[in-house]
């Protein structure tokens, strides 16, 4: 079952790295959608079926053994369908085996789309436009009732439609920014073809979620895990509006926060947001459990388990606390689940992958359907200060995954100082709000340097800054060289223990934003 009663679009994931972008583009026009694996039990949606279906791309060939298949149950709903790349190929292959084959001229990158048949899907698009291709197979033929509606130089069948049913397919990826009119194409599908007006807004989300929280929680009490980041803060604010004093927030100083963050954020919680919050110093417990651990997945699990132990201890004296609230987001949920065929798990997120199998509290995750920019929109609507809403994302495991390798107090202190210099520099230069996320990583690498005629052998710090819309894809931020030079100079001069600074110029994908 889906978690809302809004008219919605079902996105079936066949493994494309761009699947989440499809959802983002639809959410941007206030159309609710959910991503489910291609092999999901579709009968669970029969009581509230989607108003449209999008079949994502995928990395496999439809002709490969074990390739994701199409569940033809989707056609029983008699709703519009849009197949993207693999999605188009699997429609054709299911109805007409042998219609898809390896292409002599693979298409990866930009191509010129030429529209042959104007239709609702292409309304407002010029006859020729740039699209983004990423496929090694081609369609040799179409099932009997389908017709070609667009082509490229290398793909005679770049888009197709059913002659009598609202079933469409495109060989390119409208969800990526490189496709000039991709957002318009998806808007046409959602509004002109599926008939959705777009009623998924921050106000409607808040109203529904407050009602759901009250229904689920009843008279029980909720403990909310505050990390100091936007996600958990918006979560706490929302729950507080729903149940008031039944909420207790716990902000843990785990020794993995940034410089002065515990004191500054705790003051904001109590003085500005008026949240019922308790600050807890547990540095020693976290550091003891993390001692000697270098594997990033193990670090995440240990940090997640230790948080739960802290929260359990905080409410052990009061049995009316039965819920643990946390700021899990939709990308956390999607990226932490893998299925045969679709995208492999990159990492387990702290919010969903670091929890013990058994704990004494039930999970309350009211933001788990939202992307980051939707969370910010909800936060603004809830009256959280803009200066806080615009804070860069900060991972649940904190600096624990920004010190690569085993942790120590010395390394964490080095990272804290370097990070403070970088963030302060971005703010002073007016660059902070121009990047999606900026961070410093302390590498497990020491190198030779010279300071004041003396030989040094100290650590290397990597600066990372990216531009993005939603964090699912990101480009490295082209910060001014004179700015990077000044920051590097300050870190090396002021942070004793770091004698080399490098700048990360990799994008996501293939890299991730965080290093661990």
Protein backbone atom coordinates (compact mmCIF):
# COMPACT_ATOMS: atom_id res chain seq x y z
CA UNK A 1 0.00 0.00 0.00
CA UNK A 2 1.10 3.56 -0.62
CA UNK A 3 1.30 6.07 2.21
CA UNK A 4 -0.99 8.78 0.83
CA UNK A 5 -4.38 9.11 -0.81
CA UNK A 6 -3.16 11.60 -3.42
CA UNK A 7 -3.58 10.61 -7.06
CA UNK A 8 -0.20 9.14 -7.88
CA UNK A 9 2.17 7.72 -10.47
CA UNK A 10 3.91 4.37 -9.98
CA UNK A 11 7.54 4.20 -11.10
CA UNK A 12 8.76 0.64 -11.65
CA UNK A 13 12.52 0.45 -11.23
CA UNK A 14 14.42 -1.73 -13.70
CA UNK A 15 17.79 -0.64 -12.33
CA UNK A 16 18.58 2.70 -13.97
CA UNK A 17 20.93 5.05 -12.16
CA UNK A 18 18.45 7.78 -13.12
CA UNK A 19 15.29 6.25 -11.59
CA UNK A 20 15.23 8.66 -8.66
CA UNK A 21 15.46 11.56 -11.08
CA UNK A 22 12.17 10.50 -12.65
CA UNK A 23 10.54 10.80 -9.24
CA UNK A 24 12.19 14.15 -8.61
CA UNK A 25 10.94 15.63 -11.88
CA UNK A 26 7.37 14.54 -11.11
CA UNK A 27 7.53 15.81 -7.53
CA UNK A 28 8.75 19.17 -8.83
CA UNK A 29 5.35 19.65 -10.50
CA UNK A 30 3.59 18.58 -7.28
CA UNK A 31 2.64 15.13 -8.58
CA UNK A 32 3.02 12.40 -5.99
CA UNK A 33 4.88 9.29 -7.14
CA UNK A 34 6.58 6.28 -5.61
CA UNK A 35 9.40 4.03 -6.81
CA UNK A 36 8.92 0.29 -6.49
CA UNK A 37 10.97 -2.63 -7.85
CA UNK A 38 9.92 -4.11 -11.18
CA UNK A 39 9.00 -7.32 -9.36
CA UNK A 40 6.86 -5.68 -6.65
CA UNK A 41 3.56 -7.26 -5.68
CA UNK A 42 1.32 -5.00 -7.73
CA UNK A 43 -1.86 -6.51 -6.30
CA UNK A 44 -1.18 -4.51 -3.13
CA UNK A 45 -2.09 -1.38 -5.10
CA UNK A 46 -5.42 -2.66 -6.40
CA UNK A 47 -7.43 -0.79 -3.77
CA UNK A 48 -5.86 2.51 -4.78
CA UNK A 49 -4.21 2.03 -8.18
CA UNK A 50 -1.94 4.66 -9.72
CA UNK A 51 -3.17 7.14 -12.31
CA UNK A 52 -0.14 6.42 -14.46
CA UNK A 53 2.93 4.19 -14.66
CA UNK A 54 6.53 4.93 -15.64
CA UNK A 55 8.88 2.08 -16.51
CA UNK A 56 12.47 3.14 -15.81
CA UNK A 57 15.61 2.39 -17.75
CA UNK A 58 17.99 -0.36 -16.73
CA UNK A 59 21.56 -1.61 -17.20
CA UNK A 60 20.73 -5.03 -18.71
CA UNK A 61 19.59 -6.16 -22.13
CA UNK A 62 16.05 -7.50 -22.31
CA UNK A 63 17.54 -10.55 -24.05
CA UNK A 64 19.91 -11.45 -21.20
CA UNK A 65 19.11 -14.41 -19.01
CA UNK A 66 17.71 -13.15 -15.72
CA UNK A 67 16.89 -9.70 -17.11
CA UNK A 68 14.06 -7.86 -15.32
CA UNK A 69 10.69 -8.74 -16.78
CA UNK A 70 7.48 -6.76 -17.21
CA UNK A 71 4.54 -7.60 -15.00
CA UNK A 72 1.64 -7.26 -17.42
CA UNK A 73 -0.73 -6.75 -14.48
CA UNK A 74 -0.06 -3.04 -14.99
CA UNK A 75 -2.26 -3.05 -18.07
CA UNK A 76 -5.27 -4.27 -16.07
CA UNK A 77 -5.55 -0.82 -14.48
CA UNK A 78 -6.14 0.78 -17.92
CA UNK A 79 -3.96 3.78 -17.04
CA UNK A 80 -1.31 5.57 -19.16
CA UNK A 81 2.15 4.00 -19.33
CA UNK A 82 5.46 5.62 -20.24
CA UNK A 83 8.45 3.37 -20.90
CA UNK A 84 11.89 4.98 -20.71
CA UNK A 85 14.80 3.28 -22.54
CA UNK A 86 14.72 -0.26 -21.08
CA UNK A 87 11.09 0.49 -20.24
CA UNK A 88 10.24 0.93 -23.92
CA UNK A 89 12.30 -2.09 -24.91
CA UNK A 90 10.64 -4.38 -22.35
CA UNK A 91 7.17 -3.33 -23.57
CA UNK A 92 8.12 -4.27 -27.12
CA UNK A 93 10.00 -7.43 -26.10
CA UNK A 94 7.09 -8.66 -23.94
CA UNK A 95 4.59 -8.34 -26.78
CA UNK A 96 6.99 -9.21 -29.59
CA UNK A 97 10.06 -11.29 -28.59
CA UNK A 98 13.00 -10.67 -30.89
CA UNK A 99 12.13 -7.04 -31.56
CA UNK A 100 15.11 -5.84 -29.50
CA UNK A 101 18.72 -6.56 -30.47
CA UNK A 102 22.24 -5.31 -29.91
CA UNK A 103 22.86 -2.13 -31.85
CA UNK A 104 25.75 -1.69 -34.27
CA UNK A 105 25.78 1.98 -33.30
CA UNK A 106 25.31 2.35 -29.57
CA UNK A 107 24.12 5.71 -28.30
CA UNK A 108 25.63 7.17 -25.13
CA UNK A 109 25.37 10.91 -24.64
CA UNK A 110 23.69 13.70 -26.53
CA UNK A 111 21.63 13.12 -29.67
CA UNK A 112 19.20 15.15 -31.75
CA UNK A 113 15.59 14.00 -31.44
CA UNK A 114 13.42 14.58 -34.51
CA UNK A 115 9.66 14.38 -33.93
CA UNK A 116 7.77 12.55 -36.66
CA UNK A 117 4.26 12.58 -35.21
CA UNK A 118 3.05 15.45 -33.00
CA UNK A 119 1.13 14.13 -29.99
CA UNK A 120 0.19 14.91 -26.38
CA UNK A 121 3.56 13.63 -25.13
CA UNK A 122 5.44 16.14 -27.29
CA UNK A 123 3.12 19.12 -26.79
CA UNK A 124 5.23 22.30 -26.64
CA UNK A 125 8.43 20.58 -27.83
CA UNK A 126 10.17 21.81 -30.99
CA UNK A 127 10.46 19.45 -33.93
CA UNK A 128 14.19 19.04 -33.22
CA UNK A 129 15.78 19.07 -29.75
CA UNK A 130 18.67 17.63 -27.77
CA UNK A 131 18.12 14.46 -25.75
CA UNK A 132 20.32 12.18 -23.63
CA UNK A 133 20.81 8.62 -24.79
CA UNK A 134 22.27 5.71 -22.83
CA UNK A 135 21.64 2.37 -24.49
CA UNK A 136 23.42 -0.44 -26.30
CA UNK A 137 20.30 -2.18 -27.65
CA UNK A 138 17.98 -1.02 -30.41
CA UNK A 139 14.41 -1.65 -31.44
CA UNK A 140 14.30 -3.43 -34.80
CA UNK A 141 10.54 -3.48 -34.94
CA UNK A 142 7.43 -2.62 -32.96
CA UNK A 143 4.39 -4.67 -31.98
CA UNK A 144 1.58 -4.45 -34.49
CA UNK A 145 -0.47 -1.68 -32.87
CA UNK A 146 2.49 0.63 -32.15
CA UNK A 147 3.77 3.45 -34.35
CA UNK A 148 7.01 5.44 -34.48
CA UNK A 149 6.62 9.04 -33.31
CA UNK A 150 10.27 10.22 -33.21
CA UNK A 151 13.75 9.18 -34.35
CA UNK A 152 17.43 10.13 -34.16
CA UNK A 153 20.20 9.57 -36.69
CA UNK A 154 21.25 6.32 -34.98
CA UNK A 155 17.86 5.23 -33.63
CA UNK A 156 15.05 4.94 -36.19
CA UNK A 157 12.70 4.20 -33.28
CA UNK A 158 13.50 6.83 -30.65
CA UNK A 159 9.90 7.14 -29.45
CA UNK A 160 6.72 5.17 -30.04
CA UNK A 161 3.08 5.00 -29.00
CA UNK A 162 0.17 2.58 -29.08
CA UNK A 163 -2.34 3.49 -31.76
CA UNK A 164 -5.39 3.32 -29.48
CA UNK A 165 -4.17 3.14 -25.86
CA UNK A 166 -2.22 5.77 -23.84
CA UNK A 167 0.97 3.70 -23.89
CA UNK A 168 4.15 5.55 -24.86
CA UNK A 169 7.84 4.80 -24.93
CA UNK A 170 11.02 6.82 -25.46
CA UNK A 171 14.53 5.53 -26.09
CA UNK A 172 16.13 8.56 -24.40
CA UNK A 173 16.12 9.80 -20.79
CA UNK A 174 13.78 12.77 -20.27
CA UNK A 175 14.57 12.85 -16.54
CA UNK A 176 18.18 14.08 -16.93
CA UNK A 177 18.99 17.76 -17.36
CA UNK A 178 20.88 17.07 -20.59
CA UNK A 179 17.54 16.40 -22.30
CA UNK A 180 16.46 19.94 -23.20
CA UNK A 181 12.72 19.50 -22.89
CA UNK A 182 12.67 16.41 -20.68
CA UNK A 183 10.87 18.11 -17.79
CA UNK A 184 8.18 19.33 -20.19
CA UNK A 185 7.76 15.83 -21.63
CA UNK A 186 7.24 14.36 -18.15
CA UNK A 187 4.84 17.19 -17.32
CA UNK A 188 2.89 16.39 -20.48
CA UNK A 189 2.67 12.74 -19.44
CA UNK A 190 1.53 13.53 -15.90
CA UNK A 191 -0.93 16.30 -16.71
CA UNK A 192 -2.05 15.98 -20.33
CA UNK A 193 -2.09 12.18 -20.49
CA UNK A 194 -2.64 11.02 -16.88
CA UNK A 195 -4.83 14.02 -16.02
CA UNK A 196 -3.07 14.88 -12.75
CA UNK A 197 -3.29 18.49 -11.58
CA UNK A 198 -0.54 18.30 -8.97
CA UNK A 199 -1.86 18.53 -5.41
CA UNK A 200 1.22 17.25 -3.60
CA UNK A 201 2.29 20.42 -1.71
CA UNK A 202 4.05 21.19 1.60
CA UNK A 203 0.78 22.35 3.14
CA UNK A 204 -1.10 19.18 2.14
CA UNK A 205 1.81 17.04 3.36
CA UNK A 206 1.88 18.76 6.76
CA UNK A 207 -1.88 18.45 7.26
CA UNK A 208 -1.95 14.76 6.32
CA UNK A 209 1.16 13.88 8.29
CA UNK A 210 0.00 15.59 11.49
CA UNK A 211 -3.25 13.66 11.24
CA UNK A 212 -1.39 10.37 10.62
CA UNK A 213 1.01 10.97 13.53
CA UNK A 214 -1.86 11.59 15.92
CA UNK A 215 -3.63 8.46 14.71
CA UNK A 216 -0.53 6.25 14.95
CA UNK A 217 0.85 7.53 18.24
CA UNK A 218 -2.37 8.03 20.19
CA UNK A 219 -1.52 8.81 23.80
CA UNK A 220 1.96 7.27 23.62
CA UNK A 221 5.15 9.29 23.89
CA UNK A 222 7.77 9.77 21.18
CA UNK A 223 11.51 10.26 21.53
CA UNK A 224 13.05 12.04 18.56
CA UNK A 225 16.68 11.60 17.59
CA UNK A 226 18.08 15.02 16.69
CA UNK A 227 21.34 15.06 14.70
CA UNK A 228 21.57 18.83 14.34
CA UNK A 229 20.72 18.60 10.65
CA UNK A 230 17.76 19.84 8.65
CA UNK A 231 16.04 16.45 8.27
CA UNK A 232 15.74 15.56 11.94
CA UNK A 233 14.94 19.16 12.90
CA UNK A 234 12.01 19.36 10.47
CA UNK A 235 10.89 15.95 11.72
CA UNK A 236 10.90 17.16 15.33
CA UNK A 237 9.09 20.39 14.49
CA UNK A 238 6.37 18.47 12.62
CA UNK A 239 5.86 15.90 15.38
CA UNK A 240 5.82 18.63 18.03
CA UNK A 241 2.97 20.34 16.19
CA UNK A 242 1.13 17.04 16.10
CA UNK A 243 1.47 15.82 19.69
CA UNK A 244 3.03 18.64 21.72
CA UNK A 245 4.41 17.53 25.10
CA UNK A 246 4.18 13.85 24.19
CA UNK A 247 7.47 14.45 22.34
CA UNK A 248 10.93 14.40 23.86
CA UNK A 249 13.87 15.32 21.64
CA UNK A 250 17.35 14.07 22.43
CA UNK A 251 20.36 15.77 20.91
CA UNK A 252 23.41 13.61 21.43
CA UNK A 253 26.96 14.88 21.51
CA UNK A 254 28.62 11.77 20.13
CA UNK A 255 32.01 13.38 19.63
CA UNK A 256 31.45 13.31 15.87
CA UNK A 257 29.89 16.76 15.47
CA UNK A 258 31.49 19.82 13.90
CA UNK A 259 33.25 22.56 15.85
CA UNK A 260 30.97 24.18 18.48
CA UNK A 261 27.96 22.53 16.84
CA UNK A 262 26.50 20.93 19.94
CA UNK A 263 26.28 24.17 21.90
CA UNK A 264 25.09 26.36 19.02
CA UNK A 265 22.42 24.00 17.71
CA UNK A 266 21.13 23.13 21.19
CA UNK A 267 20.60 26.84 21.85
CA UNK A 268 18.65 27.18 18.60
CA UNK A 269 16.44 24.23 19.50
CA UNK A 270 15.57 25.57 22.95
CA UNK A 271 15.53 29.35 22.40
CA UNK A 272 14.18 29.68 18.85
CA UNK A 273 12.18 26.56 18.01
CA UNK A 274 11.06 25.95 21.61
CA UNK A 275 11.44 22.20 21.21
CA UNK A 276 11.37 19.93 24.29
CA UNK A 277 14.99 18.85 23.91
CA UNK A 278 17.51 17.18 26.19
CA UNK A 279 21.23 17.45 25.42
CA UNK A 280 23.24 14.32 26.25
CA UNK A 281 27.04 14.01 26.28
CA UNK A 282 27.99 10.49 25.17
CA UNK A 283 31.38 11.12 23.55
CA UNK A 284 33.18 8.49 25.60
CA UNK A 285 30.68 5.73 24.78
CA UNK A 286 30.86 6.33 21.02
CA UNK A 287 34.64 6.61 20.91
CA UNK A 288 35.11 3.46 22.96
CA UNK A 289 32.89 1.42 20.63
CA UNK A 290 34.51 2.86 17.49
CA UNK A 291 38.08 2.32 18.62
CA UNK A 292 40.14 0.55 15.96
CA UNK A 293 37.23 0.26 13.49
CA UNK A 294 38.13 1.37 9.96
CA UNK A 295 35.47 -0.26 7.76
CA UNK A 296 32.87 2.43 6.90
CA UNK A 297 29.91 0.06 6.99
CA UNK A 298 30.93 -1.19 10.45
CA UNK A 299 31.32 2.40 11.64
CA UNK A 300 27.81 3.24 10.43
CA UNK A 301 26.35 0.18 12.14
CA UNK A 302 28.15 0.88 15.42
CA UNK A 303 27.08 4.52 15.43
CA UNK A 304 23.47 3.56 14.67
CA UNK A 305 23.40 0.91 17.38
CA UNK A 306 24.96 3.24 19.93
CA UNK A 307 22.41 5.95 19.21
CA UNK A 308 19.64 3.43 19.88
CA UNK A 309 21.27 2.41 23.15
CA UNK A 310 21.42 6.05 24.21
CA UNK A 311 17.77 6.62 23.36
CA UNK A 312 16.70 3.42 25.11
CA UNK A 313 18.57 4.53 28.23
CA UNK A 314 16.99 7.99 28.14
CA UNK A 315 13.45 6.58 28.28
CA UNK A 316 14.09 3.39 30.26
CA UNK A 317 12.40 4.91 33.30
CA UNK A 318 9.22 5.77 31.40
CA UNK A 319 7.32 2.95 29.66
CA UNK A 320 5.00 5.41 27.92
CA UNK A 321 7.79 6.12 25.40
CA UNK A 322 7.14 3.59 22.67
CA UNK A 323 8.22 5.44 19.49
CA UNK A 324 11.57 6.56 18.12
CA UNK A 325 11.32 9.32 15.49
CA UNK A 326 14.10 10.05 13.03
CA UNK A 327 14.61 12.02 9.84
CA UNK A 328 14.77 9.26 7.26
CA UNK A 329 14.27 10.58 3.72
CA UNK A 330 13.11 8.90 0.52
CA UNK A 331 16.61 8.59 -1.03
CA UNK A 332 17.74 6.91 2.23
CA UNK A 333 15.02 4.31 1.81
CA UNK A 334 15.61 3.71 -1.89
CA UNK A 335 19.42 3.58 -1.74
CA UNK A 336 19.40 1.19 1.19
CA UNK A 337 17.28 -1.41 -0.62
CA UNK A 338 18.54 -3.46 -3.53
CA UNK A 339 16.71 -6.05 -5.54
CA UNK A 340 17.65 -8.42 -8.34
CA UNK A 341 18.16 -6.28 -11.41
CA UNK A 342 17.82 -2.71 -10.10
CA UNK A 343 20.55 -0.50 -8.76
CA UNK A 344 22.95 -2.07 -6.28
CA UNK A 345 23.13 -0.69 -2.77
CA UNK A 346 25.89 1.94 -2.60
CA UNK A 347 25.96 2.15 1.18
CA UNK A 348 23.63 1.59 4.09
CA UNK A 349 22.38 4.91 5.34
CA UNK A 350 22.62 5.61 9.04
CA UNK A 351 18.89 6.26 9.26
CA UNK A 352 17.80 2.97 7.75
CA UNK A 353 20.85 0.74 7.63
CA UNK A 354 22.41 1.30 11.04
CA UNK A 355 19.62 0.14 13.31
CA UNK A 356 19.81 -3.06 15.32
CA UNK A 357 17.42 -5.85 14.41
CA UNK A 358 15.81 -5.65 17.81
CA UNK A 359 15.16 -2.48 19.73
CA UNK A 360 12.70 -1.45 22.38
CA UNK A 361 11.11 1.36 20.37
CA UNK A 362 8.93 1.46 17.25
CA UNK A 363 10.08 3.64 14.38
CA UNK A 364 8.28 6.83 13.39
CA UNK A 365 9.64 8.28 10.14
CA UNK A 366 7.23 10.96 8.88
CA UNK A 367 9.63 12.33 6.24
CA UNK A 368 10.43 9.05 4.52
CA UNK A 369 8.42 9.95 1.38
CA UNK A 370 10.27 13.26 0.87
CA UNK A 371 13.35 14.35 -1.02
CA UNK A 372 15.71 16.89 0.54
CA UNK A 373 14.33 19.96 -1.23
CA UNK A 374 10.80 18.90 -0.24
CA UNK A 375 11.96 18.70 3.39
CA UNK A 376 13.28 22.24 3.15
CA UNK A 377 9.97 23.43 1.70
CA UNK A 378 8.11 21.77 4.58
CA UNK A 379 10.54 23.32 7.07
CA UNK A 380 9.92 26.80 5.69
CA UNK A 381 6.18 26.25 5.93
CA UNK A 382 6.66 25.18 9.57
CA UNK A 383 8.51 28.43 10.36
CA UNK A 384 12.04 27.10 10.80
CA UNK A 385 14.55 29.96 10.23
CA UNK A 386 15.90 30.21 6.69
CA UNK A 387 19.47 30.31 7.98
CA UNK A 388 18.98 26.83 9.40
CA UNK A 389 16.92 25.47 6.50
CA UNK A 390 19.75 26.31 4.08
CA UNK A 391 22.40 24.41 6.05
CA UNK A 392 24.31 21.91 3.97
CA UNK A 393 23.41 18.22 4.46
CA UNK A 394 25.33 16.53 7.26
CA UNK A 395 25.41 12.72 7.52
CA UNK A 396 23.92 10.93 10.50
CA UNK A 397 27.29 9.30 11.36
CA UNK A 398 28.80 12.79 11.31
CA UNK A 399 32.56 13.18 11.13
CA UNK A 400 32.86 9.45 11.80
CA UNK A 401 32.68 8.84 8.04
CA UNK A 402 34.77 11.88 7.12
CA UNK A 403 37.82 10.58 8.93
CA UNK A 404 38.74 7.76 6.60
CA UNK A 405 39.95 4.70 8.42
CA UNK A 406 40.09 4.26 12.19
CA UNK A 407 38.99 7.19 14.34
CA UNK A 408 40.90 8.97 17.09
CA UNK A 409 40.34 12.17 19.07
CA UNK A 410 43.41 13.68 17.41
CA UNK A 411 42.11 13.03 13.88
CA UNK A 412 38.63 14.27 14.71
CA UNK A 413 40.05 17.50 16.16
CA UNK A 414 42.14 18.05 13.03
CA UNK A 415 39.10 17.52 10.84
CA UNK A 416 36.93 19.82 12.97
CA UNK A 417 39.40 22.69 12.65
CA UNK A 418 39.88 22.23 8.90
CA UNK A 419 36.14 21.95 8.33
CA UNK A 420 35.46 25.13 10.32
CA UNK A 421 37.98 27.05 8.22
CA UNK A 422 36.48 25.80 4.95
CA UNK A 423 32.86 26.53 5.91
CA UNK A 424 33.75 29.92 7.38
CA UNK A 425 35.64 30.78 4.21
CA UNK A 426 32.65 29.83 2.03
CA UNK A 427 30.34 32.03 4.09
CA UNK A 428 32.69 35.01 4.07
CA UNK A 429 33.19 34.73 0.30
CA UNK A 430 29.44 34.51 -0.35
CA UNK A 431 29.82 30.99 -1.75
CA UNK A 432 28.07 28.91 0.91
CA UNK A 433 24.58 29.17 -0.59
CA UNK A 434 25.91 28.57 -4.11
CA UNK A 435 26.94 24.98 -3.38
CA UNK A 436 24.73 22.07 -2.34
CA UNK A 437 27.20 20.61 0.12
CA UNK A 438 30.75 21.31 1.24
CA UNK A 439 32.90 19.21 3.52
CA UNK A 440 36.43 18.22 4.44
CA UNK A 441 37.69 14.65 4.51
CA UNK A 442 40.76 13.64 6.50
CA UNK A 443 42.65 11.05 4.49
CA UNK A 444 44.58 8.15 6.04
CA UNK A 445 47.61 9.44 4.16
CA UNK A 446 50.63 11.23 5.57
CA UNK A 447 53.10 12.96 3.33
CA UNK A 448 56.36 14.84 3.60
CA UNK A 449 56.27 18.61 3.83
CA UNK A 450 58.53 21.49 4.77
CA UNK A 451 57.61 24.19 7.27
CA UNK A 452 60.16 26.73 8.48
CA UNK A 453 63.11 24.70 7.21
CA UNK A 454 61.83 21.69 9.14
CA UNK A 455 60.65 18.44 7.63
CA UNK A 456 57.05 17.48 8.46
CA UNK A 457 55.17 14.25 8.03
CA UNK A 458 51.51 15.06 8.45
CA UNK A 459 48.01 14.31 7.20
CA UNK A 460 46.27 15.28 3.97
CA UNK A 461 42.89 17.01 3.93
CA UNK A 462 40.56 16.78 0.92
CA UNK A 463 38.11 19.59 0.27
CA UNK A 464 34.81 18.58 -1.33
CA UNK A 465 32.12 20.95 -2.65
CA UNK A 466 29.34 19.99 -5.05
CA UNK A 467 26.46 21.63 -6.86
CA UNK A 468 23.19 19.74 -7.07
CA UNK A 469 19.42 20.03 -7.06
CA UNK A 470 18.62 17.04 -4.88
CA UNK A 471 21.89 15.27 -4.04
CA UNK A 472 21.15 12.26 -6.23
CA UNK A 473 23.43 13.54 -8.95
CA UNK A 474 26.06 16.21 -8.36
CA UNK A 475 28.85 18.08 -10.11
CA UNK A 476 31.98 19.27 -8.36
CA UNK A 477 31.73 22.97 -7.61
CA UNK A 478 34.12 25.11 -9.64
CA UNK A 479 35.16 27.31 -6.73
CA UNK A 480 37.52 30.22 -7.56
CA UNK A 481 41.17 29.21 -7.51
CA UNK A 482 42.14 32.19 -5.36
CA UNK A 483 39.53 31.13 -2.80
CA UNK A 484 40.83 27.55 -2.73
CA UNK A 485 44.36 28.86 -2.43
CA UNK A 486 43.42 31.02 0.56
CA UNK A 487 41.57 28.18 2.32
CA UNK A 488 44.43 25.75 1.71
CA UNK A 489 46.90 28.28 3.08
CA UNK A 490 44.83 28.84 6.22
CA UNK A 491 44.35 25.12 6.92
CA UNK A 492 48.03 24.30 6.52
CA UNK A 493 49.12 27.28 8.61
CA UNK A 494 46.52 27.01 11.37
CA UNK A 495 45.89 23.28 11.74
CA UNK A 496 49.01 21.64 13.08
CA UNK A 497 48.96 18.09 11.77
CA UNK A 498 47.83 18.83 8.20
CA UNK A 499 50.46 19.81 5.66
CA UNK A 500 48.70 19.08 2.38
CA UNK A 501 45.28 20.05 0.98
CA UNK A 502 43.70 18.62 -2.18
CA UNK A 503 40.40 19.41 -3.96
CA UNK A 504 38.00 16.69 -5.11
CA UNK A 505 36.93 17.21 -8.76
CA UNK A 506 34.77 14.08 -9.22
CA UNK A 507 31.04 14.09 -9.90
CA UNK A 508 28.21 11.84 -8.71
CA UNK A 509 28.00 9.43 -10.44
CA UNK A 510 30.48 7.79 -10.65
CA UNK A 511 31.64 9.03 -7.24
CA UNK A 512 29.40 9.69 -4.25
CA UNK A 513 29.29 13.01 -2.39
CA UNK A 514 30.61 11.58 0.85
CA UNK A 515 33.78 9.50 0.67
CA UNK A 516 32.47 6.75 2.95
